[in-house]
Amino acid sequence: MADHPTPPPFTPGSNAADALTAQEREARSFGFRAINPADKAPLVQGVFSSVAGRYDVMNDLMSMGIHRLWKSTFVDLVAPRANETILDVAGGTGDIAFRMAAKAPGARIMVCDLTEAMVRVGRDRGIDKGTLPGWDRTEESRGGLQWTVGNAESLPLADRSVDAYTIAFGLRNVTHIDKALAEARRVLKPGGRFFCLEFSQVNLPVLRELYDRYSFEILPRLGQVVAGDRDSYQYLVESIRRFPEREALCRRLEAVGFARARARPLTGGVAAIHSAWRV
């Protein structure tokens, strides 16, 4: 079988790789490329601006529809409730937000994404569904969706202002993961719930080999054909391999002050749901 790319040794400029912490290496990586950390957010914005119009179609094609099952499981675990305020970070085109709104009419959901083009697609999808932007504050229903452009590392919300925080397929794209986790804790109320759905590490050797072949050989080509953008989907594949392992992410959640961090693998570890509580 063909060999597949593995993350290369990290050698930014004259600094030795072993002189950097794992967090510094994360901040300096864009897929397998070594970059200046200040460039990562603009590069990520470029990726998602490029694919925004075909993002949902590509999700179906790439996962053969399995992402829909993952997202349904995710929202079931979040268990949104009416009159809650929920922040969906990296909410993009609204896939998670619309599911939560359907499950909990009356919930106040804010979708926050780094990329304006993704927010615009999501907001337009909501209008097509008959959901106007903004929270309905009448007596009959206080629910609704709000859309905003913002960075997971510096959220435009007050301390202790939301009941639940969700992020799906977005955490691996932030520059400083620990800053984003600390921000999540800051905006959650005591007793608030954190949930992250993200690609993960496949544990079964046979499945891992098939997954690697599909990821590196098929997905970038599919991105070229469907979205006209091979490079963005090459980054997707590489960024998954750079993301922390499940137990390591649990430890990092607890290091910033969360409690009872747990990981739930999905589809043999292709994806995973992390959950934790704000105390």
C-alpha atoms as a PDB file:
ATOM      1  CA  MET A   1       0.000   0.000   0.000  1.00  0.00           C
ATOM      2  CA  ALA A   2       1.109   3.565  -0.617  1.00  0.00           C
ATOM      3  CA  ASP A   3       2.715   5.529   2.143  1.00  0.00           C
ATOM      4  CA  HIS A   4       0.863   8.585   3.376  1.00  0.00           C
ATOM      5  CA  PRO A   5       2.192  11.897   4.620  1.00  0.00           C
ATOM      6  CA  THR A   6       2.970  12.217   8.301  1.00  0.00           C
ATOM      7  CA  PRO A   7       3.527  15.462  10.190  1.00  0.00           C
ATOM      8  CA  PRO A   8       7.093  16.549   9.431  1.00  0.00           C
ATOM      9  CA  PRO A   9       9.540  17.574  12.147  1.00  0.00           C
ATOM     10  CA  PHE A  10       8.782  21.133  13.143  1.00  0.00           C
ATOM     11  CA  THR A  11      11.665  23.513  12.361  1.00  0.00           C
ATOM     12  CA  PRO A  12      10.506  27.149  12.378  1.00  0.00           C
ATOM     13  CA  GLY A  13      13.409  29.329  11.354  1.00  0.00           C
ATOM     14  CA  SER A  14      16.455  28.802  13.561  1.00  0.00           C
ATOM     15  CA  ASN A  15      14.555  27.409  16.552  1.00  0.00           C
ATOM     16  CA  ALA A  16      14.876  23.708  17.262  1.00  0.00           C
ATOM     17  CA  ALA A  17      11.634  21.732  17.397  1.00  0.00           C
ATOM     18  CA  ASP A  18      12.344  20.435  20.892  1.00  0.00           C
ATOM     19  CA  ALA A  19      12.647  24.026  22.189  1.00  0.00           C
ATOM     20  CA  LEU A  20       8.930  24.556  21.569  1.00  0.00           C
ATOM     21  CA  THR A  21       6.052  23.392  23.718  1.00  0.00           C
ATOM     22  CA  ALA A  22       3.224  21.402  22.170  1.00  0.00           C
ATOM     23  CA  GLN A  23       1.041  24.506  22.393  1.00  0.00           C
ATOM     24  CA  GLU A  24       3.618  26.592  20.553  1.00  0.00           C
ATOM     25  CA  ARG A  25       3.882  23.980  17.824  1.00  0.00           C
ATOM     26  CA  GLU A  26       0.094  24.054  17.430  1.00  0.00           C
ATOM     27  CA  ALA A  27       0.076  27.827  17.099  1.00  0.00           C
ATOM     28  CA  ARG A  28       2.863  27.689  14.502  1.00  0.00           C
ATOM     29  CA  SER A  29       1.278  25.014  12.315  1.00  0.00           C
ATOM     30  CA  PHE A  30      -1.159  25.330   9.457  1.00  0.00           C
ATOM     31  CA  GLY A  31      -1.710  21.710   8.570  1.00  0.00           C
ATOM     32  CA  PHE A  32       1.819  20.398   8.097  1.00  0.00           C
ATOM     33  CA  ARG A  33       3.209  23.844   7.266  1.00  0.00           C
ATOM     34  CA  ALA A  34       5.212  25.904   9.747  1.00  0.00           C
ATOM     35  CA  ILE A  35       3.909  29.473   9.936  1.00  0.00           C
ATOM     36  CA  ASN A  36       3.975  32.614  12.034  1.00  0.00           C
ATOM     37  CA  PRO A  37       1.153  32.297  14.621  1.00  0.00           C
ATOM     38  CA  ALA A  38      -0.124  35.747  13.634  1.00  0.00           C
ATOM     39  CA  ASP A  39      -0.846  34.388  10.154  1.00  0.00           C
ATOM     40  CA  LYS A  40      -2.976  31.423  11.213  1.00  0.00           C
ATOM     41  CA  ALA A  41      -6.356  33.158  11.673  1.00  0.00           C
ATOM     42  CA  PRO A  42      -6.153  34.941   8.290  1.00  0.00           C
ATOM     43  CA  LEU A  43      -5.172  31.665   6.624  1.00  0.00           C
ATOM     44  CA  VAL A  44      -8.119  29.875   8.233  1.00  0.00           C
ATOM     45  CA  GLN A  45     -10.423  32.693   7.125  1.00  0.00           C
ATOM     46  CA  GLY A  46      -9.087  32.252   3.605  1.00  0.00           C
ATOM     47  CA  VAL A  47      -9.854  28.533   3.645  1.00  0.00           C
ATOM     48  CA  PHE A  48     -13.443  28.945   4.769  1.00  0.00           C
ATOM     49  CA  SER A  49     -14.123  32.012   2.634  1.00  0.00           C
ATOM     50  CA  SER A  50     -13.093  29.897  -0.339  1.00  0.00           C
ATOM     51  CA  VAL A  51     -15.323  26.908   0.474  1.00  0.00           C
ATOM     52  CA  ALA A  52     -18.307  28.611   2.171  1.00  0.00           C
ATOM     53  CA  GLY A  53     -20.666  28.238  -0.769  1.00  0.00           C
ATOM     54  CA  ARG A  54     -20.009  24.491  -1.132  1.00  0.00           C
ATOM     55  CA  TYR A  55     -19.255  23.703   2.501  1.00  0.00           C
ATOM     56  CA  ASP A  56     -22.441  21.777   3.301  1.00  0.00           C
ATOM     57  CA  VAL A  57     -22.378  19.798   0.047  1.00  0.00           C
ATOM     58  CA  MET A  58     -18.756  18.834   0.671  1.00  0.00           C
ATOM     59  CA  ASN A  59     -19.571  17.690   4.215  1.00  0.00           C
ATOM     60  CA  ASP A  60     -22.129  15.257   2.833  1.00  0.00           C
ATOM     61  CA  LEU A  61     -19.807  13.978   0.135  1.00  0.00           C
ATOM     62  CA  MET A  62     -16.690  13.702   2.318  1.00  0.00           C
ATOM     63  CA  SER A  63     -18.411  11.803   5.105  1.00  0.00           C
ATOM     64  CA  MET A  64     -20.962   9.981   2.915  1.00  0.00           C
ATOM     65  CA  GLY A  65     -23.596  11.558   5.144  1.00  0.00           C
ATOM     66  CA  ILE A  66     -22.166  10.220   8.413  1.00  0.00           C
ATOM     67  CA  HIS A  67     -21.555  13.743   9.716  1.00  0.00           C
ATOM     68  CA  ARG A  68     -25.328  14.093  10.030  1.00  0.00           C
ATOM     69  CA  LEU A  69     -25.430  11.177  12.479  1.00  0.00           C
ATOM     70  CA  TRP A  70     -22.507  12.632  14.441  1.00  0.00           C
ATOM     71  CA  LYS A  71     -24.217  16.011  14.670  1.00  0.00           C
ATOM     72  CA  SER A  72     -27.527  14.474  15.749  1.00  0.00           C
ATOM     73  CA  THR A  73     -25.723  12.533  18.497  1.00  0.00           C
ATOM     74  CA  PHE A  74     -23.891  15.711  19.486  1.00  0.00           C
ATOM     75  CA  VAL A  75     -27.080  17.773  19.820  1.00  0.00           C
ATOM     76  CA  ASP A  76     -28.758  14.961  21.763  1.00  0.00           C
ATOM     77  CA  LEU A  77     -25.880  15.103  24.266  1.00  0.00           C
ATOM     78  CA  VAL A  78     -26.045  18.897  24.469  1.00  0.00           C
ATOM     79  CA  ALA A  79     -29.764  18.521  25.280  1.00  0.00           C
ATOM     80  CA  PRO A  80     -30.643  22.193  24.667  1.00  0.00           C
ATOM     81  CA  ARG A  81     -33.583  23.545  26.613  1.00  0.00           C
ATOM     82  CA  ALA A  82     -36.053  26.352  26.027  1.00  0.00           C
ATOM     83  CA  ASN A  83     -35.038  29.675  27.597  1.00  0.00           C
ATOM     84  CA  GLU A  84     -31.359  28.678  27.661  1.00  0.00           C
ATOM     85  CA  THR A  85     -28.717  30.875  26.066  1.00  0.00           C
ATOM     86  CA  ILE A  86     -26.378  28.782  23.924  1.00  0.00           C
ATOM     87  CA  LEU A  87     -23.217  29.859  22.136  1.00  0.00           C
ATOM     88  CA  ASP A  88     -22.261  27.893  19.021  1.00  0.00           C
ATOM     89  CA  VAL A  89     -18.660  28.790  18.168  1.00  0.00           C
ATOM     90  CA  ALA A  90     -17.268  28.150  14.684  1.00  0.00           C
ATOM     91  CA  GLY A  91     -20.948  27.697  13.890  1.00  0.00           C
ATOM     92  CA  GLY A  92     -20.415  28.492  10.248  1.00  0.00           C
ATOM     93  CA  THR A  93     -23.424  27.673   8.127  1.00  0.00           C
ATOM     94  CA  GLY A  94     -25.630  26.860  11.108  1.00  0.00           C
ATOM     95  CA  ASP A  95     -25.806  23.069  10.955  1.00  0.00           C
ATOM     96  CA  ILE A  96     -25.575  22.655  14.737  1.00  0.00           C
ATOM     97  CA  ALA A  97     -27.564  25.797  15.567  1.00  0.00           C
ATOM     98  CA  PHE A  98     -30.526  24.807  13.397  1.00  0.00           C
ATOM     99  CA  ARG A  99     -30.603  21.360  14.980  1.00  0.00           C
ATOM    100  CA  MET A 100     -30.559  22.857  18.481  1.00  0.00           C
ATOM    101  CA  ALA A 101     -33.266  25.373  17.585  1.00  0.00           C
ATOM    102  CA  ALA A 102     -35.487  22.563  16.287  1.00  0.00           C
ATOM    103  CA  LYS A 103     -34.893  20.493  19.419  1.00  0.00           C
ATOM    104  CA  ALA A 104     -35.470  23.372  21.840  1.00  0.00           C
ATOM    105  CA  PRO A 105     -37.843  26.033  20.509  1.00  0.00           C
ATOM    106  CA  GLY A 106     -37.423  29.060  22.717  1.00  0.00           C
ATOM    107  CA  ALA A 107     -33.678  28.629  23.183  1.00  0.00           C
ATOM    108  CA  ARG A 108     -31.572  31.716  22.458  1.00  0.00           C
ATOM    109  CA  ILE A 109     -28.726  30.621  20.205  1.00  0.00           C
ATOM    110  CA  MET A 110     -25.800  32.769  19.108  1.00  0.00           C
ATOM    111  CA  VAL A 111     -23.734  31.532  16.186  1.00  0.00           C
ATOM    112  CA  CYS A 112     -20.202  32.947  16.213  1.00  0.00           C
ATOM    113  CA  ASP A 113     -17.710  32.284  13.425  1.00  0.00           C
ATOM    114  CA  LEU A 114     -14.344  33.732  12.458  1.00  0.00           C
ATOM    115  CA  THR A 115     -15.272  33.914   8.761  1.00  0.00           C
ATOM    116  CA  GLU A 116     -17.869  36.406   7.563  1.00  0.00           C
ATOM    117  CA  ALA A 117     -18.634  34.407   4.414  1.00  0.00           C
ATOM    118  CA  MET A 118     -19.646  31.383   6.525  1.00  0.00           C
ATOM    119  CA  VAL A 119     -21.865  33.535   8.755  1.00  0.00           C
ATOM    120  CA  ARG A 120     -23.501  35.032   5.687  1.00  0.00           C
ATOM    121  CA  VAL A 121     -24.295  31.578   4.263  1.00  0.00           C
ATOM    122  CA  GLY A 122     -25.745  30.456   7.601  1.00  0.00           C
ATOM    123  CA  ARG A 123     -27.832  33.578   8.060  1.00  0.00           C
ATOM    124  CA  ASP A 124     -29.222  33.218   4.536  1.00  0.00           C
ATOM    125  CA  ARG A 125     -30.044  29.560   5.201  1.00  0.00           C
ATOM    126  CA  GLY A 126     -31.949  30.650   8.293  1.00  0.00           C
ATOM    127  CA  ILE A 127     -33.953  33.189   6.333  1.00  0.00           C
ATOM    128  CA  ASP A 128     -34.758  30.506   3.750  1.00  0.00           C
ATOM    129  CA  LYS A 129     -36.043  28.357   6.623  1.00  0.00           C
ATOM    130  CA  GLY A 130     -38.184  31.256   7.854  1.00  0.00           C
ATOM    131  CA  THR A 131     -35.902  32.055  10.805  1.00  0.00           C
ATOM    132  CA  LEU A 132     -35.135  35.755  10.883  1.00  0.00           C
ATOM    133  CA  PRO A 133     -31.882  36.818  12.573  1.00  0.00           C
ATOM    134  CA  GLY A 134     -32.262  37.983  16.184  1.00  0.00           C
ATOM    135  CA  TRP A 135     -33.877  36.786  19.370  1.00  0.00           C
ATOM    136  CA  ASP A 136     -37.643  37.039  19.706  1.00  0.00           C
ATOM    137  CA  ARG A 137     -38.199  38.687  23.078  1.00  0.00           C
ATOM    138  CA  THR A 138     -41.995  38.553  23.137  1.00  0.00           C
ATOM    139  CA  GLU A 139     -43.814  36.819  25.977  1.00  0.00           C
ATOM    140  CA  GLU A 140     -44.808  33.891  23.766  1.00  0.00           C
ATOM    141  CA  SER A 141     -41.289  32.982  22.653  1.00  0.00           C
ATOM    142  CA  ARG A 142     -37.902  34.271  23.655  1.00  0.00           C
ATOM    143  CA  GLY A 143     -35.986  32.042  21.277  1.00  0.00           C
ATOM    144  CA  GLY A 144     -34.201  32.616  18.022  1.00  0.00           C
ATOM    145  CA  LEU A 145     -30.784  32.772  16.380  1.00  0.00           C
ATOM    146  CA  GLN A 146     -28.242  35.551  16.338  1.00  0.00           C
ATOM    147  CA  TRP A 147     -25.239  35.606  14.024  1.00  0.00           C
ATOM    148  CA  THR A 148     -21.934  37.316  14.679  1.00  0.00           C
ATOM    149  CA  VAL A 149     -18.364  37.322  13.425  1.00  0.00           C
ATOM    150  CA  GLY A 150     -15.875  36.655  16.217  1.00  0.00           C
ATOM    151  CA  ASN A 151     -12.750  34.820  17.303  1.00  0.00           C
ATOM    152  CA  ALA A 152     -12.958  31.821  19.648  1.00  0.00           C
ATOM    153  CA  GLU A 153      -9.950  33.218  21.531  1.00  0.00           C
ATOM    154  CA  SER A 154     -11.665  36.547  22.246  1.00  0.00           C
ATOM    155  CA  LEU A 155     -15.425  36.104  22.315  1.00  0.00           C
ATOM    156  CA  PRO A 156     -17.753  39.125  22.104  1.00  0.00           C
ATOM    157  CA  LEU A 157     -19.752  38.059  25.181  1.00  0.00           C
ATOM    158  CA  ALA A 158     -19.821  38.941  28.857  1.00  0.00           C
ATOM    159  CA  ASP A 159     -18.507  36.676  31.609  1.00  0.00           C
ATOM    160  CA  ARG A 160     -20.889  33.959  32.778  1.00  0.00           C
ATOM    161  CA  SER A 161     -23.490  34.763  30.136  1.00  0.00           C
ATOM    162  CA  VAL A 162     -24.323  31.422  28.462  1.00  0.00           C
ATOM    163  CA  ASP A 163     -25.720  28.096  29.646  1.00  0.00           C
ATOM    164  CA  ALA A 164     -24.013  25.922  27.043  1.00  0.00           C
ATOM    165  CA  TYR A 165     -21.072  26.266  24.682  1.00  0.00           C
ATOM    166  CA  THR A 166     -20.771  24.179  21.532  1.00  0.00           C
ATOM    167  CA  ILE A 167     -18.052  23.976  18.903  1.00  0.00           C
ATOM    168  CA  ALA A 168     -18.179  21.482  16.029  1.00  0.00           C
ATOM    169  CA  PHE A 169     -15.238  20.887  13.709  1.00  0.00           C
ATOM    170  CA  GLY A 170     -13.726  24.219  14.668  1.00  0.00           C
ATOM    171  CA  LEU A 171     -11.390  23.784  17.617  1.00  0.00           C
ATOM    172  CA  ARG A 172      -8.529  22.403  15.533  1.00  0.00           C
ATOM    173  CA  ASN A 173      -8.554  25.611  13.470  1.00  0.00           C
ATOM    174  CA  VAL A 174      -7.905  28.058  16.308  1.00  0.00           C
ATOM    175  CA  THR A 175      -4.404  29.383  16.823  1.00  0.00           C
ATOM    176  CA  HIS A 176      -4.198  28.856  20.590  1.00  0.00           C
ATOM    177  CA  ILE A 177      -6.454  25.996  21.709  1.00  0.00           C
ATOM    178  CA  ASP A 178      -5.946  26.654  25.426  1.00  0.00           C
ATOM    179  CA  LYS A 179      -6.990  30.305  25.019  1.00  0.00           C
ATOM    180  CA  ALA A 180     -10.166  29.172  23.271  1.00  0.00           C
ATOM    181  CA  LEU A 181     -10.908  26.687  26.071  1.00  0.00           C
ATOM    182  CA  ALA A 182     -10.334  29.376  28.703  1.00  0.00           C
ATOM    183  CA  GLU A 183     -12.669  31.720  26.801  1.00  0.00           C
ATOM    184  CA  ALA A 184     -15.310  29.001  26.737  1.00  0.00           C
ATOM    185  CA  ARG A 185     -15.075  28.696  30.499  1.00  0.00           C
ATOM    186  CA  ARG A 186     -15.177  32.494  30.927  1.00  0.00           C
ATOM    187  CA  VAL A 187     -18.481  32.944  29.090  1.00  0.00           C
ATOM    188  CA  LEU A 188     -20.186  29.899  30.639  1.00  0.00           C
ATOM    189  CA  LYS A 189     -22.287  30.295  33.746  1.00  0.00           C
ATOM    190  CA  PRO A 190     -21.375  28.140  36.764  1.00  0.00           C
ATOM    191  CA  GLY A 191     -22.840  24.740  36.012  1.00  0.00           C
ATOM    192  CA  GLY A 192     -22.663  25.470  32.281  1.00  0.00           C
ATOM    193  CA  ARG A 193     -21.931  22.747  29.741  1.00  0.00           C
ATOM    194  CA  PHE A 194     -19.096  22.523  27.220  1.00  0.00           C
ATOM    195  CA  PHE A 195     -19.333  20.303  24.138  1.00  0.00           C
ATOM    196  CA  CYS A 196     -16.868  19.848  21.301  1.00  0.00           C
ATOM    197  CA  LEU A 197     -17.357  17.661  18.216  1.00  0.00           C
ATOM    198  CA  GLU A 198     -14.127  17.200  16.312  1.00  0.00           C
ATOM    199  CA  PHE A 199     -12.232  14.780  14.126  1.00  0.00           C
ATOM    200  CA  SER A 200     -10.088  12.432  16.166  1.00  0.00           C
ATOM    201  CA  GLN A 201      -7.637   9.539  15.962  1.00  0.00           C
ATOM    202  CA  VAL A 202      -8.651   6.178  14.513  1.00  0.00           C
ATOM    203  CA  ASN A 203      -7.463   3.385  16.792  1.00  0.00           C
ATOM    204  CA  LEU A 204      -8.045   0.237  14.730  1.00  0.00           C
ATOM    205  CA  PRO A 205      -5.031  -0.339  12.422  1.00  0.00           C
ATOM    206  CA  VAL A 206      -7.085  -1.639   9.476  1.00  0.00           C
ATOM    207  CA  LEU A 207      -9.585   1.208   9.685  1.00  0.00           C
ATOM    208  CA  ARG A 208      -6.751   3.722  10.173  1.00  0.00           C
ATOM    209  CA  GLU A 209      -5.046   2.584   6.961  1.00  0.00           C
ATOM    210  CA  LEU A 210      -8.288   2.863   4.986  1.00  0.00           C
ATOM    211  CA  TYR A 211      -9.041   6.236   6.553  1.00  0.00           C
ATOM    212  CA  ASP A 212      -5.572   7.567   5.716  1.00  0.00           C
ATOM    213  CA  ARG A 213      -5.817   6.407   2.122  1.00  0.00           C
ATOM    214  CA  TYR A 214      -9.233   8.019   1.731  1.00  0.00           C
ATOM    215  CA  SER A 215      -8.139  11.232   3.474  1.00  0.00           C
ATOM    216  CA  PHE A 216      -4.918  11.864   1.597  1.00  0.00           C
ATOM    217  CA  GLU A 217      -5.788  10.393  -1.800  1.00  0.00           C
ATOM    218  CA  ILE A 218      -9.503  11.140  -2.249  1.00  0.00           C
ATOM    219  CA  LEU A 219     -10.553  14.168  -0.189  1.00  0.00           C
ATOM    220  CA  PRO A 220      -8.255  16.781  -1.780  1.00  0.00           C
ATOM    221  CA  ARG A 221      -9.305  15.578  -5.256  1.00  0.00           C
ATOM    222  CA  LEU A 222     -12.947  15.751  -4.232  1.00  0.00           C
ATOM    223  CA  GLY A 223     -12.382  19.289  -2.986  1.00  0.00           C
ATOM    224  CA  GLN A 224     -10.903  20.233  -6.342  1.00  0.00           C
ATOM    225  CA  VAL A 225     -13.794  18.761  -8.311  1.00  0.00           C
ATOM    226  CA  VAL A 226     -16.700  19.952  -6.158  1.00  0.00           C
ATOM    227  CA  ALA A 227     -15.421  23.147  -4.532  1.00  0.00           C
ATOM    228  CA  GLY A 228     -12.649  24.048  -6.959  1.00  0.00           C
ATOM    229  CA  ASP A 229     -10.198  24.118  -4.057  1.00  0.00           C
ATOM    230  CA  ARG A 230      -7.773  21.259  -3.486  1.00  0.00           C
ATOM    231  CA  ASP A 231      -5.534  23.159  -1.049  1.00  0.00           C
ATOM    232  CA  SER A 232      -8.283  23.857   1.497  1.00  0.00           C
ATOM    233  CA  TYR A 233      -9.151  20.187   1.761  1.00  0.00           C
ATOM    234  CA  GLN A 234      -5.489  19.206   1.929  1.00  0.00           C
ATOM    235  CA  TYR A 235      -5.310  21.540   4.940  1.00  0.00           C
ATOM    236  CA  LEU A 236      -8.386  19.833   6.415  1.00  0.00           C
ATOM    237  CA  VAL A 237      -6.704  16.420   6.229  1.00  0.00           C
ATOM    238  CA  GLU A 238      -3.459  17.698   7.701  1.00  0.00           C
ATOM    239  CA  SER A 239      -5.089  19.709  10.486  1.00  0.00           C
ATOM    240  CA  ILE A 240      -6.857  16.572  11.731  1.00  0.00           C
ATOM    241  CA  ARG A 241      -3.490  14.865  12.183  1.00  0.00           C
ATOM    242  CA  ARG A 242      -2.203  17.837  14.170  1.00  0.00           C
ATOM    243  CA  PHE A 243      -5.132  17.857  16.614  1.00  0.00           C
ATOM    244  CA  PRO A 244      -4.512  16.630  20.193  1.00  0.00           C
ATOM    245  CA  GLU A 245      -5.418  13.083  21.141  1.00  0.00           C
ATOM    246  CA  ARG A 246      -8.650  12.588  23.051  1.00  0.00           C
ATOM    247  CA  GLU A 247      -7.231  12.112  26.539  1.00  0.00           C
ATOM    248  CA  ALA A 248      -4.789  14.987  26.049  1.00  0.00           C
ATOM    249  CA  LEU A 249      -7.678  17.317  25.230  1.00  0.00           C
ATOM    250  CA  CYS A 250      -9.524  16.151  28.355  1.00  0.00           C
ATOM    251  CA  ARG A 251      -6.480  17.072  30.438  1.00  0.00           C
ATOM    252  CA  ARG A 252      -6.284  20.482  28.819  1.00  0.00           C
ATOM    253  CA  LEU A 253      -9.953  21.148  29.529  1.00  0.00           C
ATOM    254  CA  GLU A 254      -9.380  20.381  33.187  1.00  0.00           C
ATOM    255  CA  ALA A 255      -6.185  22.460  33.223  1.00  0.00           C
ATOM    256  CA  VAL A 256      -8.174  25.620  32.372  1.00  0.00           C
ATOM    257  CA  GLY A 257     -10.730  24.902  35.094  1.00  0.00           C
ATOM    258  CA  PHE A 258     -13.353  22.588  33.644  1.00  0.00           C
ATOM    259  CA  ALA A 259     -14.508  19.541  35.573  1.00  0.00           C
ATOM    260  CA  ARG A 260     -15.463  15.995  34.554  1.00  0.00           C
ATOM    261  CA  ALA A 261     -13.973  16.216  31.067  1.00  0.00           C
ATOM    262  CA  ARG A 262     -14.936  13.186  29.004  1.00  0.00           C
ATOM    263  CA  ALA A 263     -14.359  11.952  25.437  1.00  0.00           C
ATOM    264  CA  ARG A 264     -16.754   9.802  23.437  1.00  0.00           C
ATOM    265  CA  PRO A 265     -15.294   8.298  20.213  1.00  0.00           C
ATOM    266  CA  LEU A 266     -17.558   8.022  17.174  1.00  0.00           C
ATOM    267  CA  THR A 267     -17.218   5.647  14.201  1.00  0.00           C
ATOM    268  CA  GLY A 268     -14.104   3.930  15.476  1.00  0.00           C
ATOM    269  CA  GLY A 269     -12.458   7.204  16.489  1.00  0.00           C
ATOM    270  CA  VAL A 270     -12.882   9.076  13.203  1.00  0.00           C
ATOM    271  CA  ALA A 271     -14.573  11.755  15.307  1.00  0.00           C
ATOM    272  CA  ALA A 272     -15.138  12.332  19.016  1.00  0.00           C
ATOM    273  CA  ILE A 273     -17.348  14.361  21.329  1.00  0.00           C
ATOM    274  CA  HIS A 274     -15.682  16.009  24.313  1.00  0.00           C
ATOM    275  CA  SER A 275     -17.813  17.286  27.168  1.00  0.00           C
ATOM    276  CA  ALA A 276     -17.051  19.083  30.418  1.00  0.00           C
ATOM    277  CA  TRP A 277     -18.702  21.200  33.106  1.00  0.00           C
ATOM    278  CA  ARG A 278     -17.960  24.737  34.169  1.00  0.00           C
ATOM    279  CA  VAL A 279     -17.585  24.923  37.955  1.00  0.00           C
END
